[in-house]
Amino acid sequence: NAYKAVSGKAVFASGKKPFRDCDDPNVVAAYELGLVN
């Protein structure tokens, strides 16, 4: 949400599953944006 605020861009979850223990769309979006590993 902070990324949206400072960038002015929409964010959507891609449907990918980069982690075996989590499919939270916010986690996926943060990971694909490069905010978290």
PDB file of all heavy atoms in Angstrom:
ATOM      1  N   ASN A   1       0.827  -1.206   0.000  1.00  0.00           N
ATOM      2  CA  ASN A   1       0.000   0.000   0.000  1.00  0.00           C
ATOM      3  C   ASN A   1       0.863   1.258   0.000  1.00  0.00           C
ATOM      4  O   ASN A   1       0.517   2.263  -0.630  1.00  0.00           O
ATOM      5  CB  ASN A   1      -0.942  -0.005   1.196  1.00  0.00           C
ATOM      6  CG  ASN A   1      -2.088  -0.983   1.027  1.00  0.00           C
ATOM      7  OD1 ASN A   1      -2.424  -1.370  -0.087  1.00  0.00           O
ATOM      8  ND2 ASN A   1      -2.680  -1.402   2.130  1.00  0.00           N
ATOM      9  N   ALA A   2       1.996   1.225   0.719  1.00  0.00           N
ATOM     10  CA  ALA A   2       2.907   2.366   0.712  1.00  0.00           C
ATOM     11  C   ALA A   2       3.527   2.556  -0.671  1.00  0.00           C
ATOM     12  O   ALA A   2       3.710   3.687  -1.133  1.00  0.00           O
ATOM     13  CB  ALA A   2       3.999   2.165   1.767  1.00  0.00           C
ATOM     14  N   TYR A   3       3.836   1.451  -1.328  1.00  0.00           N
ATOM     15  CA  TYR A   3       4.345   1.525  -2.703  1.00  0.00           C
ATOM     16  C   TYR A   3       3.323   2.221  -3.601  1.00  0.00           C
ATOM     17  O   TYR A   3       3.671   3.084  -4.419  1.00  0.00           O
ATOM     18  CB  TYR A   3       4.650   0.128  -3.226  1.00  0.00           C
ATOM     19  CG  TYR A   3       4.909   0.076  -4.712  1.00  0.00           C
ATOM     20  CD1 TYR A   3       6.178   0.304  -5.232  1.00  0.00           C
ATOM     21  CD2 TYR A   3       3.868  -0.192  -5.605  1.00  0.00           C
ATOM     22  CE1 TYR A   3       6.401   0.281  -6.603  1.00  0.00           C
ATOM     23  CE2 TYR A   3       4.084  -0.219  -6.969  1.00  0.00           C
ATOM     24  CZ  TYR A   3       5.357   0.015  -7.472  1.00  0.00           C
ATOM     25  OH  TYR A   3       5.565  -0.006  -8.821  1.00  0.00           O
ATOM     26  N   LYS A   4       2.049   1.838  -3.475  1.00  0.00           N
ATOM     27  CA  LYS A   4       1.010   2.480  -4.277  1.00  0.00           C
ATOM     28  C   LYS A   4       0.989   3.986  -4.011  1.00  0.00           C
ATOM     29  O   LYS A   4       0.836   4.790  -4.932  1.00  0.00           O
ATOM     30  CB  LYS A   4      -0.353   1.899  -3.937  1.00  0.00           C
ATOM     31  CG  LYS A   4      -0.556   0.432  -4.270  1.00  0.00           C
ATOM     32  CD  LYS A   4      -1.932  -0.005  -3.781  1.00  0.00           C
ATOM     33  CE  LYS A   4      -2.168  -1.494  -3.898  1.00  0.00           C
ATOM     34  NZ  LYS A   4      -3.478  -1.880  -3.341  1.00  0.00           N
ATOM     35  N   ALA A   5       1.141   4.360  -2.744  1.00  0.00           N
ATOM     36  CA  ALA A   5       1.015   5.757  -2.359  1.00  0.00           C
ATOM     37  C   ALA A   5       2.125   6.611  -2.958  1.00  0.00           C
ATOM     38  O   ALA A   5       1.875   7.717  -3.445  1.00  0.00           O
ATOM     39  CB  ALA A   5       1.013   5.891  -0.841  1.00  0.00           C
ATOM     40  N   VAL A   6       3.358   6.134  -2.927  1.00  0.00           N
ATOM     41  CA  VAL A   6       4.460   6.964  -3.405  1.00  0.00           C
ATOM     42  C   VAL A   6       4.702   6.819  -4.898  1.00  0.00           C
ATOM     43  O   VAL A   6       5.336   7.686  -5.503  1.00  0.00           O
ATOM     44  CB  VAL A   6       5.769   6.666  -2.633  1.00  0.00           C
ATOM     45  CG1 VAL A   6       5.595   6.954  -1.154  1.00  0.00           C
ATOM     46  CG2 VAL A   6       6.233   5.237  -2.852  1.00  0.00           C
ATOM     47  N   SER A   7       4.198   5.743  -5.516  1.00  0.00           N
ATOM     48  CA  SER A   7       4.412   5.556  -6.948  1.00  0.00           C
ATOM     49  C   SER A   7       3.214   5.981  -7.778  1.00  0.00           C
ATOM     50  O   SER A   7       3.346   6.307  -8.953  1.00  0.00           O
ATOM     51  CB  SER A   7       4.731   4.089  -7.262  1.00  0.00           C
ATOM     52  OG  SER A   7       3.583   3.263  -7.093  1.00  0.00           O
ATOM     53  N   GLY A   8       2.015   5.952  -7.169  1.00  0.00           N
ATOM     54  CA  GLY A   8       0.808   6.258  -7.912  1.00  0.00           C
ATOM     55  C   GLY A   8       0.397   5.172  -8.862  1.00  0.00           C
ATOM     56  O   GLY A   8      -0.371   5.407  -9.790  1.00  0.00           O
ATOM     57  N   LYS A   9       0.881   3.942  -8.642  1.00  0.00           N
ATOM     58  CA  LYS A   9       0.586   2.840  -9.541  1.00  0.00           C
ATOM     59  C   LYS A   9      -0.278   1.796  -8.857  1.00  0.00           C
ATOM     60  O   LYS A   9      -0.193   1.598  -7.650  1.00  0.00           O
ATOM     61  CB  LYS A   9       1.888   2.177 -10.017  1.00  0.00           C
ATOM     62  CG  LYS A   9       2.762   3.083 -10.864  1.00  0.00           C
ATOM     63  CD  LYS A   9       4.021   2.352 -11.306  1.00  0.00           C
ATOM     64  CE  LYS A   9       4.893   3.247 -12.162  1.00  0.00           C
ATOM     65  NZ  LYS A   9       6.136   2.550 -12.594  1.00  0.00           N
ATOM     66  N   ALA A  10      -1.080   1.131  -9.658  1.00  0.00           N
ATOM     67  CA  ALA A  10      -1.867   0.013  -9.153  1.00  0.00           C
ATOM     68  C   ALA A  10      -0.980  -1.214  -9.028  1.00  0.00           C
ATOM     69  O   ALA A  10       0.047  -1.334  -9.678  1.00  0.00           O
ATOM     70  CB  ALA A  10      -3.031  -0.288 -10.095  1.00  0.00           C
ATOM     71  N   VAL A  11      -1.380  -2.123  -8.149  1.00  0.00           N
ATOM     72  CA  VAL A  11      -0.645  -3.363  -7.930  1.00  0.00           C
ATOM     73  C   VAL A  11      -1.636  -4.505  -7.995  1.00  0.00           C
ATOM     74  O   VAL A  11      -2.730  -4.414  -7.453  1.00  0.00           O
ATOM     75  CB  VAL A  11       0.066  -3.357  -6.563  1.00  0.00           C
ATOM     76  CG1 VAL A  11       0.709  -4.710  -6.286  1.00  0.00           C
ATOM     77  CG2 VAL A  11       1.117  -2.262  -6.507  1.00  0.00           C
ATOM     78  N   PHE A  12      -1.265  -5.587  -8.642  1.00  0.00           N
ATOM     79  CA  PHE A  12      -2.125  -6.761  -8.661  1.00  0.00           C
ATOM     80  C   PHE A  12      -1.273  -7.998  -8.473  1.00  0.00           C
ATOM     81  O   PHE A  12      -0.108  -8.038  -8.846  1.00  0.00           O
ATOM     82  CB  PHE A  12      -2.927  -6.858  -9.956  1.00  0.00           C
ATOM     83  CG  PHE A  12      -2.095  -7.155 -11.177  1.00  0.00           C
ATOM     84  CD1 PHE A  12      -2.018  -8.440 -11.683  1.00  0.00           C
ATOM     85  CD2 PHE A  12      -1.390  -6.153 -11.811  1.00  0.00           C
ATOM     86  CE1 PHE A  12      -1.261  -8.724 -12.796  1.00  0.00           C
ATOM     87  CE2 PHE A  12      -0.626  -6.426 -12.933  1.00  0.00           C
ATOM     88  CZ  PHE A  12      -0.562  -7.712 -13.426  1.00  0.00           C
ATOM     89  N   ALA A  13      -1.857  -9.015  -7.845  1.00  0.00           N
ATOM     90  CA  ALA A  13      -1.144 -10.273  -7.641  1.00  0.00           C
ATOM     91  C   ALA A  13      -1.168 -11.072  -8.931  1.00  0.00           C
ATOM     92  O   ALA A  13      -2.187 -11.165  -9.597  1.00  0.00           O
ATOM     93  CB  ALA A  13      -1.802 -11.071  -6.516  1.00  0.00           C
ATOM     94  N   SER A  14      -0.042 -11.643  -9.297  1.00  0.00           N
ATOM     95  CA  SER A  14       0.081 -12.308 -10.584  1.00  0.00           C
ATOM     96  C   SER A  14      -0.498 -13.712 -10.594  1.00  0.00           C
ATOM     97  O   SER A  14      -0.703 -14.298 -11.650  1.00  0.00           O
ATOM     98  CB  SER A  14       1.553 -12.390 -10.976  1.00  0.00           C
ATOM     99  OG  SER A  14       2.236 -13.288 -10.108  1.00  0.00           O
ATOM    100  N   GLY A  15      -0.723 -14.291  -9.445  1.00  0.00           N
ATOM    101  CA  GLY A  15      -1.174 -15.675  -9.379  1.00  0.00           C
ATOM    102  C   GLY A  15      -0.024 -16.658  -9.245  1.00  0.00           C
ATOM    103  O   GLY A  15      -0.238 -17.854  -9.066  1.00  0.00           O
ATOM    104  N   LYS A  16       1.199 -16.168  -9.334  1.00  0.00           N
ATOM    105  CA  LYS A  16       2.353 -17.037  -9.158  1.00  0.00           C
ATOM    106  C   LYS A  16       2.482 -17.425  -7.684  1.00  0.00           C
ATOM    107  O   LYS A  16       1.957 -16.751  -6.799  1.00  0.00           O
ATOM    108  CB  LYS A  16       3.629 -16.342  -9.633  1.00  0.00           C
ATOM    109  CG  LYS A  16       3.636 -16.020 -11.120  1.00  0.00           C
ATOM    110  CD  LYS A  16       4.922 -15.329 -11.524  1.00  0.00           C
ATOM    111  CE  LYS A  16       4.922 -15.010 -13.014  1.00  0.00           C
ATOM    112  NZ  LYS A  16       6.151 -14.302 -13.431  1.00  0.00           N
ATOM    113  N   LYS A  17       3.205 -18.482  -7.412  1.00  0.00           N
ATOM    114  CA  LYS A  17       3.413 -18.956  -6.046  1.00  0.00           C
ATOM    115  C   LYS A  17       4.901 -19.161  -5.795  1.00  0.00           C
ATOM    116  O   LYS A  17       5.419 -20.276  -5.903  1.00  0.00           O
ATOM    117  CB  LYS A  17       2.631 -20.250  -5.814  1.00  0.00           C
ATOM    118  CG  LYS A  17       1.118 -20.059  -5.912  1.00  0.00           C
ATOM    119  CD  LYS A  17       0.373 -21.348  -5.605  1.00  0.00           C
ATOM    120  CE  LYS A  17      -1.138 -21.137  -5.683  1.00  0.00           C
ATOM    121  NZ  LYS A  17      -1.896 -22.374  -5.377  1.00  0.00           N
ATOM    122  N   PRO A  18       5.602 -18.079  -5.452  1.00  0.00           N
ATOM    123  CA  PRO A  18       7.045 -18.189  -5.255  1.00  0.00           C
ATOM    124  C   PRO A  18       7.442 -18.899  -3.960  1.00  0.00           C
ATOM    125  O   PRO A  18       8.595 -19.289  -3.805  1.00  0.00           O
ATOM    126  CB  PRO A  18       7.509 -16.732  -5.238  1.00  0.00           C
ATOM    127  CG  PRO A  18       6.310 -15.958  -4.776  1.00  0.00           C
ATOM    128  CD  PRO A  18       5.122 -16.688  -5.336  1.00  0.00           C
ATOM    129  N   PHE A  19       6.484 -19.076  -3.034  1.00  0.00           N
ATOM    130  CA  PHE A  19       6.809 -19.681  -1.742  1.00  0.00           C
ATOM    131  C   PHE A  19       5.921 -20.892  -1.461  1.00  0.00           C
ATOM    132  O   PHE A  19       4.734 -20.899  -1.784  1.00  0.00           O
ATOM    133  CB  PHE A  19       6.646 -18.652  -0.618  1.00  0.00           C
ATOM    134  CG  PHE A  19       7.473 -17.411  -0.822  1.00  0.00           C
ATOM    135  CD1 PHE A  19       6.870 -16.197  -1.133  1.00  0.00           C
ATOM    136  CD2 PHE A  19       8.856 -17.458  -0.733  1.00  0.00           C
ATOM    137  CE1 PHE A  19       7.620 -15.066  -1.343  1.00  0.00           C
ATOM    138  CE2 PHE A  19       9.620 -16.328  -0.939  1.00  0.00           C
ATOM    139  CZ  PHE A  19       9.004 -15.124  -1.243  1.00  0.00           C
ATOM    140  N   ARG A  20       6.508 -21.889  -0.847  1.00  0.00           N
ATOM    141  CA  ARG A  20       5.777 -23.109  -0.525  1.00  0.00           C
ATOM    142  C   ARG A  20       4.890 -22.946   0.702  1.00  0.00           C
ATOM    143  O   ARG A  20       3.925 -23.690   0.886  1.00  0.00           O
ATOM    144  CB  ARG A  20       6.761 -24.269  -0.293  1.00  0.00           C
ATOM    145  CG  ARG A  20       7.508 -24.700  -1.549  1.00  0.00           C
ATOM    146  CD  ARG A  20       8.345 -25.938  -1.303  1.00  0.00           C
ATOM    147  NE  ARG A  20       9.536 -25.643  -0.515  1.00  0.00           N
ATOM    148  CZ  ARG A  20       9.753 -26.038   0.721  1.00  0.00           C
ATOM    149  NH1 ARG A  20       8.834 -26.740   1.355  1.00  0.00           N
ATOM    150  NH2 ARG A  20      10.872 -25.737   1.349  1.00  0.00           N
ATOM    151  N   ASP A  21       5.224 -21.992   1.561  1.00  0.00           N
ATOM    152  CA  ASP A  21       4.502 -21.861   2.833  1.00  0.00           C
ATOM    153  C   ASP A  21       3.599 -20.640   2.891  1.00  0.00           C
ATOM    154  O   ASP A  21       3.069 -20.296   3.946  1.00  0.00           O
ATOM    155  CB  ASP A  21       5.501 -21.802   3.992  1.00  0.00           C
ATOM    156  CG  ASP A  21       6.415 -20.580   3.922  1.00  0.00           C
ATOM    157  OD1 ASP A  21       6.568 -20.020   2.805  1.00  0.00           O
ATOM    158  OD2 ASP A  21       6.980 -20.197   4.957  1.00  0.00           O
ATOM    159  N   CYS A  22       3.382 -19.980   1.743  1.00  0.00           N
ATOM    160  CA  CYS A  22       2.576 -18.753   1.780  1.00  0.00           C
ATOM    161  C   CYS A  22       2.073 -18.417   0.387  1.00  0.00           C
ATOM    162  O   CYS A  22       2.863 -18.371  -0.574  1.00  0.00           O
ATOM    163  CB  CYS A  22       3.416 -17.592   2.315  1.00  0.00           C
ATOM    164  SG  CYS A  22       2.533 -16.022   2.401  1.00  0.00           S
ATOM    165  N   ASP A  23       0.756 -18.168   0.272  1.00  0.00           N
ATOM    166  CA  ASP A  23       0.194 -17.715  -0.996  1.00  0.00           C
ATOM    167  C   ASP A  23      -0.560 -16.393  -0.826  1.00  0.00           C
ATOM    168  O   ASP A  23      -1.408 -16.032  -1.648  1.00  0.00           O
ATOM    169  CB  ASP A  23      -0.726 -18.764  -1.599  1.00  0.00           C
ATOM    170  CG  ASP A  23      -1.891 -19.137  -0.679  1.00  0.00           C
ATOM    171  OD1 ASP A  23      -1.999 -18.543   0.420  1.00  0.00           O
ATOM    172  OD2 ASP A  23      -2.684 -20.010  -1.047  1.00  0.00           O
ATOM    173  N   ASP A  24      -0.236 -15.667   0.252  1.00  0.00           N
ATOM    174  CA  ASP A  24      -0.844 -14.363   0.491  1.00  0.00           C
ATOM    175  C   ASP A  24      -0.561 -13.446  -0.702  1.00  0.00           C
ATOM    176  O   ASP A  24       0.593 -13.242  -1.074  1.00  0.00           O
ATOM    177  CB  ASP A  24      -0.249 -13.763   1.771  1.00  0.00           C
ATOM    178  CG  ASP A  24      -0.912 -12.464   2.184  1.00  0.00           C
ATOM    179  OD1 ASP A  24      -1.176 -11.627   1.310  1.00  0.00           O
ATOM    180  OD2 ASP A  24      -1.133 -12.280   3.401  1.00  0.00           O
ATOM    181  N   PRO A  25      -1.613 -12.870  -1.328  1.00  0.00           N
ATOM    182  CA  PRO A  25      -1.386 -12.028  -2.511  1.00  0.00           C
ATOM    183  C   PRO A  25      -0.517 -10.812  -2.237  1.00  0.00           C
ATOM    184  O   PRO A  25       0.209 -10.362  -3.123  1.00  0.00           O
ATOM    185  CB  PRO A  25      -2.798 -11.628  -2.948  1.00  0.00           C
ATOM    186  CG  PRO A  25      -3.672 -11.881  -1.768  1.00  0.00           C
ATOM    187  CD  PRO A  25      -3.042 -13.020  -1.024  1.00  0.00           C
ATOM    188  N   ASN A  26      -0.565 -10.275  -1.018  1.00  0.00           N
ATOM    189  CA  ASN A  26       0.298  -9.139  -0.695  1.00  0.00           C
ATOM    190  C   ASN A  26       1.757  -9.555  -0.609  1.00  0.00           C
ATOM    191  O   ASN A  26       2.655  -8.797  -0.992  1.00  0.00           O
ATOM    192  CB  ASN A  26      -0.136  -8.498   0.626  1.00  0.00           C
ATOM    193  CG  ASN A  26      -1.354  -7.620   0.471  1.00  0.00           C
ATOM    194  OD1 ASN A  26      -1.487  -6.891  -0.509  1.00  0.00           O
ATOM    195  ND2 ASN A  26      -2.265  -7.689   1.430  1.00  0.00           N
ATOM    196  N   VAL A  27       2.015 -10.746  -0.106  1.00  0.00           N
ATOM    197  CA  VAL A  27       3.383 -11.252  -0.059  1.00  0.00           C
ATOM    198  C   VAL A  27       3.906 -11.468  -1.476  1.00  0.00           C
ATOM    199  O   VAL A  27       5.033 -11.086  -1.807  1.00  0.00           O
ATOM    200  CB  VAL A  27       3.460 -12.564   0.749  1.00  0.00           C
ATOM    201  CG1 VAL A  27       4.848 -13.194   0.619  1.00  0.00           C
ATOM    202  CG2 VAL A  27       3.136 -12.303   2.217  1.00  0.00           C
ATOM    203  N   VAL A  28       3.077 -12.071  -2.322  1.00  0.00           N
ATOM    204  CA  VAL A  28       3.468 -12.304  -3.710  1.00  0.00           C
ATOM    205  C   VAL A  28       3.746 -10.977  -4.411  1.00  0.00           C
ATOM    206  O   VAL A  28       4.752 -10.818  -5.115  1.00  0.00           O
ATOM    207  CB  VAL A  28       2.384 -13.096  -4.457  1.00  0.00           C
ATOM    208  CG1 VAL A  28       2.731 -13.220  -5.931  1.00  0.00           C
ATOM    209  CG2 VAL A  28       2.214 -14.477  -3.836  1.00  0.00           C
ATOM    210  N   ALA A  29       2.870 -10.004  -4.218  1.00  0.00           N
ATOM    211  CA  ALA A  29       3.051  -8.700  -4.860  1.00  0.00           C
ATOM    212  C   ALA A  29       4.315  -8.016  -4.360  1.00  0.00           C
ATOM    213  O   ALA A  29       5.080  -7.444  -5.150  1.00  0.00           O
ATOM    214  CB  ALA A  29       1.828  -7.824  -4.598  1.00  0.00           C
ATOM    215  N   ALA A  30       4.555  -8.057  -3.042  1.00  0.00           N
ATOM    216  CA  ALA A  30       5.756  -7.432  -2.476  1.00  0.00           C
ATOM    217  C   ALA A  30       7.017  -8.097  -3.010  1.00  0.00           C
ATOM    218  O   ALA A  30       8.017  -7.434  -3.317  1.00  0.00           O
ATOM    219  CB  ALA A  30       5.712  -7.496  -0.950  1.00  0.00           C
ATOM    220  N   TYR A  31       6.965  -9.408  -3.138  1.00  0.00           N
ATOM    221  CA  TYR A  31       8.111 -10.141  -3.665  1.00  0.00           C
ATOM    222  C   TYR A  31       8.365  -9.783  -5.130  1.00  0.00           C
ATOM    223  O   TYR A  31       9.514  -9.527  -5.535  1.00  0.00           O
ATOM    224  CB  TYR A  31       7.870 -11.642  -3.513  1.00  0.00           C
ATOM    225  CG  TYR A  31       8.926 -12.513  -4.155  1.00  0.00           C
ATOM    226  CD1 TYR A  31      10.163 -12.702  -3.545  1.00  0.00           C
ATOM    227  CD2 TYR A  31       8.682 -13.148  -5.371  1.00  0.00           C
ATOM    228  CE1 TYR A  31      11.149 -13.494  -4.132  1.00  0.00           C
ATOM    229  CE2 TYR A  31       9.654 -13.950  -5.964  1.00  0.00           C
ATOM    230  CZ  TYR A  31      10.881 -14.114  -5.342  1.00  0.00           C
ATOM    231  OH  TYR A  31      11.840 -14.903  -5.931  1.00  0.00           O
ATOM    232  N   GLU A  32       7.314  -9.746  -5.931  1.00  0.00           N
ATOM    233  CA  GLU A  32       7.496  -9.451  -7.345  1.00  0.00           C
ATOM    234  C   GLU A  32       7.866  -7.996  -7.598  1.00  0.00           C
ATOM    235  O   GLU A  32       8.511  -7.682  -8.600  1.00  0.00           O
ATOM    236  CB  GLU A  32       6.229  -9.820  -8.118  1.00  0.00           C
ATOM    237  CG  GLU A  32       5.975 -11.323  -8.101  1.00  0.00           C
ATOM    238  CD  GLU A  32       4.917 -11.750  -9.092  1.00  0.00           C
ATOM    239  OE1 GLU A  32       4.047 -10.918  -9.415  1.00  0.00           O
ATOM    240  OE2 GLU A  32       4.973 -12.900  -9.551  1.00  0.00           O
ATOM    241  N   LEU A  33       7.496  -7.104  -6.682  1.00  0.00           N
ATOM    242  CA  LEU A  33       7.921  -5.713  -6.791  1.00  0.00           C
ATOM    243  C   LEU A  33       9.373  -5.525  -6.382  1.00  0.00           C
ATOM    244  O   LEU A  33       9.974  -4.491  -6.672  1.00  0.00           O
ATOM    245  CB  LEU A  33       7.032  -4.820  -5.911  1.00  0.00           C
ATOM    246  CG  LEU A  33       5.613  -4.556  -6.406  1.00  0.00           C
ATOM    247  CD1 LEU A  33       4.784  -3.897  -5.316  1.00  0.00           C
ATOM    248  CD2 LEU A  33       5.629  -3.688  -7.661  1.00  0.00           C
ATOM    249  N   GLY A  34       9.947  -6.506  -5.693  1.00  0.00           N
ATOM    250  CA  GLY A  34      11.317  -6.398  -5.210  1.00  0.00           C
ATOM    251  C   GLY A  34      11.430  -5.766  -3.845  1.00  0.00           C
ATOM    252  O   GLY A  34      12.494  -5.259  -3.469  1.00  0.00           O
ATOM    253  N   LEU A  35      10.328  -5.806  -3.066  1.00  0.00           N
ATOM    254  CA  LEU A  35      10.330  -5.189  -1.738  1.00  0.00           C
ATOM    255  C   LEU A  35      10.801  -6.146  -0.651  1.00  0.00           C
ATOM    256  O   LEU A  35      11.219  -5.704   0.425  1.00  0.00           O
ATOM    257  CB  LEU A  35       8.928  -4.677  -1.381  1.00  0.00           C
ATOM    258  CG  LEU A  35       8.234  -3.770  -2.408  1.00  0.00           C
ATOM    259  CD1 LEU A  35       6.913  -3.264  -1.847  1.00  0.00           C
ATOM    260  CD2 LEU A  35       9.139  -2.623  -2.818  1.00  0.00           C
ATOM    261  N   VAL A  36      10.715  -7.465  -0.894  1.00  0.00           N
ATOM    262  CA  VAL A  36      11.020  -8.432   0.147  1.00  0.00           C
ATOM    263  C   VAL A  36      11.552  -9.710  -0.492  1.00  0.00           C
ATOM    264  O   VAL A  36      11.258 -10.005  -1.661  1.00  0.00           O
ATOM    265  CB  VAL A  36       9.747  -8.737   0.983  1.00  0.00           C
ATOM    266  CG1 VAL A  36       8.727  -9.500   0.171  1.00  0.00           C
ATOM    267  CG2 VAL A  36      10.080  -9.458   2.271  1.00  0.00           C
ATOM    268  N   ASN A  37      12.343 -10.449   0.272  1.00  0.00           N
ATOM    269  CA  ASN A  37      12.840 -11.751  -0.153  1.00  0.00           C
ATOM    270  C   ASN A  37      12.345 -12.823   0.804  1.00  0.00           C
ATOM    271  O   ASN A  37      11.857 -12.523   1.900  1.00  0.00           O
ATOM    272  CB  ASN A  37      14.371 -11.768  -0.172  1.00  0.00           C
ATOM    273  CG  ASN A  37      14.942 -10.827  -1.212  1.00  0.00           C
ATOM    274  OD1 ASN A  37      14.479 -10.797  -2.347  1.00  0.00           O
ATOM    275  ND2 ASN A  37      15.943 -10.054  -0.820  1.00  0.00           N
TER     276      ASN A  37
END
